[in-house]
Amino acid sequence: MLSYVNQHYKGRTSEGLSLPLIIGGLALIFKSMLMSYNGNIEIYVPADAMAQAA
C-alpha cells in the first residue's frame, strides 16, 4: 500500500498525508458505530415467508 502511495504521489505531500488521515477518520467513525451497537439487529420477516419455511 505504501509503495503504491509513494509511486503515485511523489512530491505531493498534501495528497500523501491526506490518505492516512482519511483512513484514520473512517476507522474512528467505524469504531464509534461498533461501540454504540447494542447487539440487536431488527429483521422484518413477513408472516407468509415464515409459513413457507415451516
N, C-alpha and C. Protein backbone atom coordinates (compact mmCIF):
# COMPACT_ATOMS: atom_id res chain seq x y z
N MET A 1 0.83 -1.20 0.00
CA MET A 1 0.00 0.00 0.00
C MET A 1 0.87 1.25 0.00
N LEU A 2 1.90 1.27 0.86
CA LEU A 2 2.74 2.44 0.92
C LEU A 2 3.55 2.62 -0.36
N SER A 3 3.95 1.49 -0.98
CA SER A 3 4.69 1.61 -2.23
C SER A 3 3.80 2.22 -3.31
N TYR A 4 2.53 1.86 -3.30
CA TYR A 4 1.58 2.44 -4.26
C TYR A 4 1.47 3.95 -4.05
N VAL A 5 1.36 4.35 -2.79
CA VAL A 5 1.26 5.78 -2.48
C VAL A 5 2.54 6.48 -2.89
N ASN A 6 3.69 5.87 -2.60
CA ASN A 6 4.97 6.51 -2.94
C ASN A 6 5.14 6.63 -4.45
N GLN A 7 4.70 5.65 -5.22
CA GLN A 7 4.84 5.70 -6.67
C GLN A 7 3.95 6.77 -7.27
N HIS A 8 2.74 6.90 -6.79
CA HIS A 8 1.77 7.77 -7.45
C HIS A 8 1.71 9.18 -6.87
N TYR A 9 2.29 9.38 -5.70
CA TYR A 9 2.21 10.70 -5.08
C TYR A 9 3.59 11.27 -4.75
N LYS A 10 4.57 10.98 -5.58
CA LYS A 10 5.92 11.51 -5.32
C LYS A 10 5.90 13.03 -5.37
N GLY A 11 6.40 13.65 -4.34
CA GLY A 11 6.48 15.09 -4.31
C GLY A 11 5.18 15.78 -3.98
N ARG A 12 4.15 15.03 -3.72
CA ARG A 12 2.84 15.62 -3.39
C ARG A 12 2.53 15.29 -1.94
N THR A 13 3.10 16.03 -1.05
CA THR A 13 2.95 15.68 0.36
C THR A 13 1.52 15.87 0.84
N SER A 14 0.77 16.81 0.27
CA SER A 14 -0.58 17.04 0.76
C SER A 14 -1.48 15.84 0.46
N GLU A 15 -1.36 15.26 -0.75
CA GLU A 15 -2.17 14.09 -1.06
C GLU A 15 -1.67 12.87 -0.29
N GLY A 16 -0.35 12.77 -0.14
CA GLY A 16 0.22 11.63 0.58
C GLY A 16 -0.16 11.64 2.05
N LEU A 17 -0.31 12.82 2.63
CA LEU A 17 -0.69 12.91 4.03
C LEU A 17 -2.19 12.79 4.23
N SER A 18 -2.96 13.16 3.22
CA SER A 18 -4.42 13.12 3.41
C SER A 18 -4.95 11.69 3.41
N LEU A 19 -4.28 10.78 2.71
CA LEU A 19 -4.76 9.39 2.67
C LEU A 19 -4.78 8.75 4.06
N PRO A 20 -3.69 8.81 4.84
CA PRO A 20 -3.76 8.26 6.19
C PRO A 20 -4.78 8.96 7.08
N LEU A 21 -4.96 10.27 6.87
CA LEU A 21 -5.96 10.99 7.67
C LEU A 21 -7.37 10.51 7.35
N ILE A 22 -7.65 10.26 6.07
CA ILE A 22 -8.97 9.76 5.67
C ILE A 22 -9.19 8.37 6.25
N ILE A 23 -8.18 7.50 6.15
CA ILE A 23 -8.31 6.14 6.67
C ILE A 23 -8.50 6.17 8.18
N GLY A 24 -7.74 7.01 8.87
CA GLY A 24 -7.87 7.11 10.32
C GLY A 24 -9.23 7.64 10.73
N GLY A 25 -9.75 8.62 9.97
CA GLY A 25 -11.08 9.16 10.27
C GLY A 25 -12.17 8.12 10.08
N LEU A 26 -12.06 7.35 8.99
CA LEU A 26 -13.06 6.29 8.77
C LEU A 26 -12.97 5.23 9.86
N ALA A 27 -11.77 4.91 10.31
CA ALA A 27 -11.61 3.93 11.38
C ALA A 27 -12.26 4.43 12.67
N LEU A 28 -12.09 5.71 12.98
CA LEU A 28 -12.72 6.27 14.19
C LEU A 28 -14.24 6.23 14.10
N ILE A 29 -14.77 6.56 12.93
CA ILE A 29 -16.23 6.51 12.75
C ILE A 29 -16.73 5.09 12.92
N PHE A 30 -16.01 4.13 12.32
CA PHE A 30 -16.42 2.73 12.42
C PHE A 30 -16.36 2.24 13.87
N LYS A 31 -15.30 2.62 14.59
CA LYS A 31 -15.19 2.21 16.00
C LYS A 31 -16.32 2.80 16.83
N SER A 32 -16.67 4.05 16.59
CA SER A 32 -17.76 4.66 17.37
C SER A 32 -19.09 3.98 17.06
N MET A 33 -19.28 3.56 15.80
CA MET A 33 -20.51 2.84 15.47
C MET A 33 -20.56 1.49 16.19
N LEU A 34 -19.41 0.79 16.25
CA LEU A 34 -19.38 -0.51 16.93
C LEU A 34 -19.59 -0.35 18.43
N MET A 35 -19.06 0.73 19.02
CA MET A 35 -19.21 0.92 20.46
C MET A 35 -20.66 1.24 20.84
N SER A 36 -21.40 1.88 19.94
CA SER A 36 -22.78 2.20 20.24
C SER A 36 -23.73 1.05 19.86
N TYR A 37 -23.21 0.00 19.24
CA TYR A 37 -24.04 -1.14 18.82
C TYR A 37 -24.43 -1.97 20.03
N ASN A 38 -25.72 -2.21 20.21
CA ASN A 38 -26.17 -2.92 21.40
C ASN A 38 -26.36 -4.42 21.19
N GLY A 39 -26.10 -4.93 20.02
CA GLY A 39 -26.16 -6.37 19.79
C GLY A 39 -27.46 -6.85 19.20
N ASN A 40 -28.42 -5.98 19.02
CA ASN A 40 -29.71 -6.40 18.47
C ASN A 40 -29.87 -5.88 17.05
N ILE A 41 -30.19 -6.77 16.14
CA ILE A 41 -30.45 -6.38 14.76
C ILE A 41 -31.92 -6.70 14.48
N GLU A 42 -32.66 -5.70 14.10
CA GLU A 42 -34.07 -5.94 13.77
C GLU A 42 -34.18 -6.42 12.34
N ILE A 43 -34.83 -7.55 12.17
CA ILE A 43 -35.06 -8.10 10.84
C ILE A 43 -36.55 -8.34 10.69
N TYR A 44 -37.13 -7.73 9.68
CA TYR A 44 -38.56 -7.91 9.43
C TYR A 44 -38.75 -9.09 8.48
N VAL A 45 -39.49 -10.09 8.96
CA VAL A 45 -39.81 -11.25 8.13
C VAL A 45 -41.32 -11.32 8.03
N PRO A 46 -41.88 -11.26 6.82
CA PRO A 46 -43.33 -11.34 6.69
C PRO A 46 -43.84 -12.71 7.16
N ALA A 47 -45.08 -12.72 7.64
CA ALA A 47 -45.67 -13.94 8.20
C ALA A 47 -45.76 -15.04 7.15
N ASP A 48 -46.08 -14.69 5.89
CA ASP A 48 -46.21 -15.73 4.87
C ASP A 48 -44.85 -16.38 4.55
N ALA A 49 -43.76 -15.64 4.69
CA ALA A 49 -42.44 -16.22 4.46
C ALA A 49 -42.11 -17.22 5.57
N MET A 50 -42.50 -16.92 6.81
CA MET A 50 -42.26 -17.87 7.89
C MET A 50 -43.13 -19.11 7.72
N ALA A 51 -44.33 -18.94 7.22
CA ALA A 51 -45.23 -20.08 7.00
C ALA A 51 -44.68 -21.00 5.92
N GLN A 52 -44.06 -20.43 4.88
CA GLN A 52 -43.50 -21.24 3.80
C GLN A 52 -42.28 -22.02 4.28
N ALA A 53 -41.52 -21.46 5.18
CA ALA A 53 -40.29 -22.12 5.67
C ALA A 53 -40.61 -23.27 6.59
N ALA A 54 -41.76 -23.26 7.25
CA ALA A 54 -42.09 -24.30 8.24
C ALA A 54 -42.64 -25.54 7.60
